[in-house]
Amino acid sequence: MDPALIGLLITVVTIGVFALGIPVAFGLGFVAVTFLLLFEGFGMSKVIADTFMEGFNGIYYCLYPNVYCNGNDSCIFTSW
């Protein structure tokens, strides 16, 4: 399939997903995963899973911003 046609199809589907009123991050993720699986096959599901799990490397800092722990099991609780 022509790359320009694929780009146009992705654009139309993305605008359609935005028109549904779902959050932008979920919409873009849905469109990206759908088109990767559609055009690259289900072998890309491992790449998607690896990329998704790499995003959790820094999730500790997002979940607990008010707790600082050092190496000897003592934690300092702060309020921002």
N, C-alpha and C. Protein backbone atom coordinates (compact mmCIF):
# COMPACT_ATOMS: atom_id res chain seq x y z
N MET A 1 0.84 -1.17 0.00
CA MET A 1 0.00 0.00 0.00
C MET A 1 0.88 1.23 0.00
N ASP A 2 0.46 2.25 -0.68
CA ASP A 2 1.21 3.49 -0.81
C ASP A 2 1.34 4.18 0.56
N PRO A 3 2.54 4.63 0.94
CA PRO A 3 2.72 5.29 2.24
C PRO A 3 1.84 6.53 2.42
N ALA A 4 1.60 7.27 1.35
CA ALA A 4 0.74 8.45 1.47
C ALA A 4 -0.69 8.05 1.80
N LEU A 5 -1.15 6.96 1.23
CA LEU A 5 -2.49 6.47 1.52
C LEU A 5 -2.60 5.96 2.97
N ILE A 6 -1.55 5.31 3.43
CA ILE A 6 -1.53 4.86 4.83
C ILE A 6 -1.57 6.07 5.76
N GLY A 7 -0.79 7.09 5.46
CA GLY A 7 -0.80 8.31 6.28
C GLY A 7 -2.15 8.99 6.30
N LEU A 8 -2.80 9.03 5.15
CA LEU A 8 -4.13 9.62 5.08
C LEU A 8 -5.13 8.80 5.88
N LEU A 9 -5.02 7.48 5.80
CA LEU A 9 -5.91 6.60 6.55
C LEU A 9 -5.71 6.77 8.06
N ILE A 10 -4.46 6.85 8.49
CA ILE A 10 -4.17 7.07 9.91
C ILE A 10 -4.72 8.42 10.37
N THR A 11 -4.58 9.45 9.54
CA THR A 11 -5.10 10.77 9.88
C THR A 11 -6.61 10.75 10.03
N VAL A 12 -7.30 10.13 9.10
CA VAL A 12 -8.76 10.08 9.15
C VAL A 12 -9.24 9.29 10.37
N VAL A 13 -8.59 8.15 10.64
CA VAL A 13 -8.99 7.35 11.80
C VAL A 13 -8.69 8.10 13.10
N THR A 14 -7.57 8.80 13.16
CA THR A 14 -7.22 9.56 14.36
C THR A 14 -8.24 10.67 14.62
N ILE A 15 -8.62 11.39 13.61
CA ILE A 15 -9.63 12.43 13.76
C ILE A 15 -10.96 11.81 14.17
N GLY A 16 -11.29 10.66 13.61
CA GLY A 16 -12.52 9.97 14.00
C GLY A 16 -12.50 9.53 15.46
N VAL A 17 -11.35 9.06 15.93
CA VAL A 17 -11.23 8.65 17.33
C VAL A 17 -11.34 9.87 18.24
N PHE A 18 -10.74 10.98 17.85
CA PHE A 18 -10.86 12.21 18.64
C PHE A 18 -12.30 12.69 18.69
N ALA A 19 -13.04 12.49 17.62
CA ALA A 19 -14.44 12.92 17.57
C ALA A 19 -15.31 12.12 18.54
N LEU A 20 -14.86 10.95 18.93
CA LEU A 20 -15.61 10.15 19.90
C LEU A 20 -15.55 10.74 21.31
N GLY A 21 -14.57 11.60 21.56
CA GLY A 21 -14.46 12.26 22.85
C GLY A 21 -13.66 11.51 23.89
N ILE A 22 -12.91 10.49 23.49
CA ILE A 22 -12.08 9.78 24.47
C ILE A 22 -10.81 10.59 24.70
N PRO A 23 -10.12 10.37 25.81
CA PRO A 23 -8.89 11.12 26.08
C PRO A 23 -7.85 10.93 24.96
N VAL A 24 -7.06 11.97 24.76
CA VAL A 24 -6.11 12.00 23.64
C VAL A 24 -5.09 10.87 23.74
N ALA A 25 -4.53 10.64 24.92
CA ALA A 25 -3.50 9.61 25.06
C ALA A 25 -4.05 8.23 24.73
N PHE A 26 -5.26 7.93 25.20
CA PHE A 26 -5.85 6.63 24.89
C PHE A 26 -6.17 6.51 23.40
N GLY A 27 -6.66 7.59 22.81
CA GLY A 27 -6.98 7.58 21.39
C GLY A 27 -5.75 7.37 20.52
N LEU A 28 -4.68 8.10 20.82
CA LEU A 28 -3.45 7.95 20.05
C LEU A 28 -2.84 6.57 20.24
N GLY A 29 -2.89 6.06 21.47
CA GLY A 29 -2.38 4.72 21.72
C GLY A 29 -3.17 3.66 20.98
N PHE A 30 -4.49 3.80 20.98
CA PHE A 30 -5.34 2.85 20.26
C PHE A 30 -5.05 2.86 18.77
N VAL A 31 -4.96 4.06 18.19
CA VAL A 31 -4.69 4.16 16.74
C VAL A 31 -3.31 3.59 16.42
N ALA A 32 -2.31 3.92 17.24
CA ALA A 32 -0.95 3.45 16.97
C ALA A 32 -0.86 1.92 17.04
N VAL A 33 -1.42 1.35 18.10
CA VAL A 33 -1.35 -0.11 18.25
C VAL A 33 -2.14 -0.80 17.16
N THR A 34 -3.31 -0.26 16.83
CA THR A 34 -4.14 -0.86 15.78
C THR A 34 -3.42 -0.89 14.45
N PHE A 35 -2.83 0.22 14.06
CA PHE A 35 -2.17 0.26 12.76
C PHE A 35 -0.86 -0.53 12.75
N LEU A 36 -0.14 -0.57 13.89
CA LEU A 36 1.05 -1.42 13.93
C LEU A 36 0.68 -2.88 13.73
N LEU A 37 -0.35 -3.33 14.42
CA LEU A 37 -0.76 -4.73 14.28
C LEU A 37 -1.35 -5.00 12.90
N LEU A 38 -2.04 -4.02 12.34
CA LEU A 38 -2.67 -4.19 11.04
C LEU A 38 -1.64 -4.30 9.92
N PHE A 39 -0.64 -3.43 9.94
CA PHE A 39 0.31 -3.38 8.83
C PHE A 39 1.58 -4.20 9.07
N GLU A 40 1.96 -4.42 10.32
CA GLU A 40 3.19 -5.15 10.60
C GLU A 40 2.93 -6.58 11.07
N GLY A 41 1.72 -6.89 11.43
CA GLY A 41 1.39 -8.24 11.88
C GLY A 41 1.49 -8.38 13.39
N PHE A 42 1.08 -9.53 13.87
CA PHE A 42 1.06 -9.76 15.30
C PHE A 42 2.45 -10.00 15.89
N GLY A 43 3.47 -10.07 15.08
CA GLY A 43 4.84 -10.14 15.58
C GLY A 43 5.25 -8.86 16.28
N MET A 44 4.57 -7.76 15.95
CA MET A 44 4.86 -6.48 16.58
C MET A 44 4.33 -6.42 18.00
N SER A 45 3.49 -7.37 18.41
CA SER A 45 2.93 -7.32 19.76
C SER A 45 4.03 -7.46 20.81
N LYS A 46 5.11 -8.17 20.50
CA LYS A 46 6.23 -8.27 21.44
C LYS A 46 6.94 -6.93 21.56
N VAL A 47 7.11 -6.22 20.46
CA VAL A 47 7.74 -4.90 20.49
C VAL A 47 6.87 -3.92 21.27
N ILE A 48 5.57 -4.00 21.07
CA ILE A 48 4.65 -3.12 21.79
C ILE A 48 4.73 -3.41 23.28
N ALA A 49 4.74 -4.68 23.66
CA ALA A 49 4.82 -5.04 25.08
C ALA A 49 6.14 -4.60 25.69
N ASP A 50 7.24 -4.78 24.98
CA ASP A 50 8.55 -4.35 25.50
C ASP A 50 8.59 -2.84 25.69
N THR A 51 8.09 -2.10 24.72
CA THR A 51 8.07 -0.64 24.81
C THR A 51 7.18 -0.18 25.96
N PHE A 52 6.05 -0.83 26.13
CA PHE A 52 5.13 -0.48 27.21
C PHE A 52 5.77 -0.72 28.57
N MET A 53 6.44 -1.84 28.72
CA MET A 53 7.04 -2.16 30.01
C MET A 53 8.26 -1.29 30.32
N GLU A 54 8.96 -0.82 29.29
CA GLU A 54 10.08 0.09 29.52
C GLU A 54 9.60 1.40 30.12
N GLY A 55 8.38 1.78 29.84
CA GLY A 55 7.83 3.00 30.40
C GLY A 55 7.62 2.94 31.90
N PHE A 56 7.58 1.74 32.46
CA PHE A 56 7.39 1.59 33.89
C PHE A 56 8.68 1.67 34.68
N ASN A 57 9.82 1.88 34.03
CA ASN A 57 11.09 1.97 34.75
C ASN A 57 11.10 3.12 35.75
N GLY A 58 10.50 4.23 35.40
CA GLY A 58 10.49 5.39 36.28
C GLY A 58 9.15 5.61 36.95
N ILE A 59 8.29 4.60 36.99
CA ILE A 59 6.95 4.79 37.54
C ILE A 59 6.99 5.01 39.04
N TYR A 60 8.03 4.55 39.73
CA TYR A 60 8.13 4.75 41.17
C TYR A 60 8.10 6.24 41.50
N TYR A 61 8.77 7.04 40.70
CA TYR A 61 8.82 8.47 40.97
C TYR A 61 7.48 9.14 40.70
N CYS A 62 6.68 8.55 39.84
CA CYS A 62 5.36 9.11 39.57
C CYS A 62 4.35 8.73 40.65
N LEU A 63 4.46 7.53 41.19
CA LEU A 63 3.48 7.05 42.15
C LEU A 63 3.72 7.61 43.56
N TYR A 64 4.95 7.77 43.96
CA TYR A 64 5.26 8.18 45.32
C TYR A 64 6.15 9.42 45.33
N PRO A 65 5.63 10.57 44.95
CA PRO A 65 6.50 11.75 44.88
C PRO A 65 6.88 12.32 46.23
N ASN A 66 6.19 11.92 47.32
CA ASN A 66 6.46 12.51 48.63
C ASN A 66 7.27 11.61 49.54
N VAL A 67 7.81 10.53 49.03
CA VAL A 67 8.58 9.60 49.86
C VAL A 67 9.97 9.44 49.25
N TYR A 68 10.98 9.69 50.08
CA TYR A 68 12.35 9.48 49.64
C TYR A 68 12.95 8.39 50.52
N CYS A 69 13.46 7.34 49.92
CA CYS A 69 14.04 6.24 50.69
C CYS A 69 15.53 6.14 50.36
N ASN A 70 16.31 5.90 51.39
CA ASN A 70 17.72 5.67 51.13
C ASN A 70 18.00 4.17 51.26
N GLY A 71 19.22 3.78 51.18
CA GLY A 71 19.57 2.37 51.09
C GLY A 71 19.37 1.55 52.34
N ASN A 72 19.22 2.17 53.52
CA ASN A 72 19.12 1.38 54.75
C ASN A 72 17.70 1.36 55.31
N ASP A 73 16.71 1.29 54.43
CA ASP A 73 15.32 1.10 54.78
C ASP A 73 14.71 2.23 55.63
N SER A 74 15.26 3.40 55.60
CA SER A 74 14.62 4.53 56.28
C SER A 74 14.10 5.49 55.21
N CYS A 75 12.88 5.93 55.40
CA CYS A 75 12.24 6.79 54.42
C CYS A 75 11.89 8.13 55.06
N ILE A 76 11.95 9.17 54.27
CA ILE A 76 11.60 10.51 54.71
C ILE A 76 10.32 10.91 53.98
N PHE A 77 9.29 11.25 54.73
CA PHE A 77 8.03 11.67 54.15
C PHE A 77 7.99 13.19 54.16
N THR A 78 7.74 13.76 53.02
CA THR A 78 7.70 15.21 52.90
C THR A 78 6.36 15.63 52.33
N SER A 79 5.99 16.84 52.58
CA SER A 79 4.79 17.40 51.95
C SER A 79 5.24 18.53 51.04
N TRP A 80 4.66 18.61 49.90
CA TRP A 80 5.08 19.59 48.90
C TRP A 80 4.39 20.86 49.20
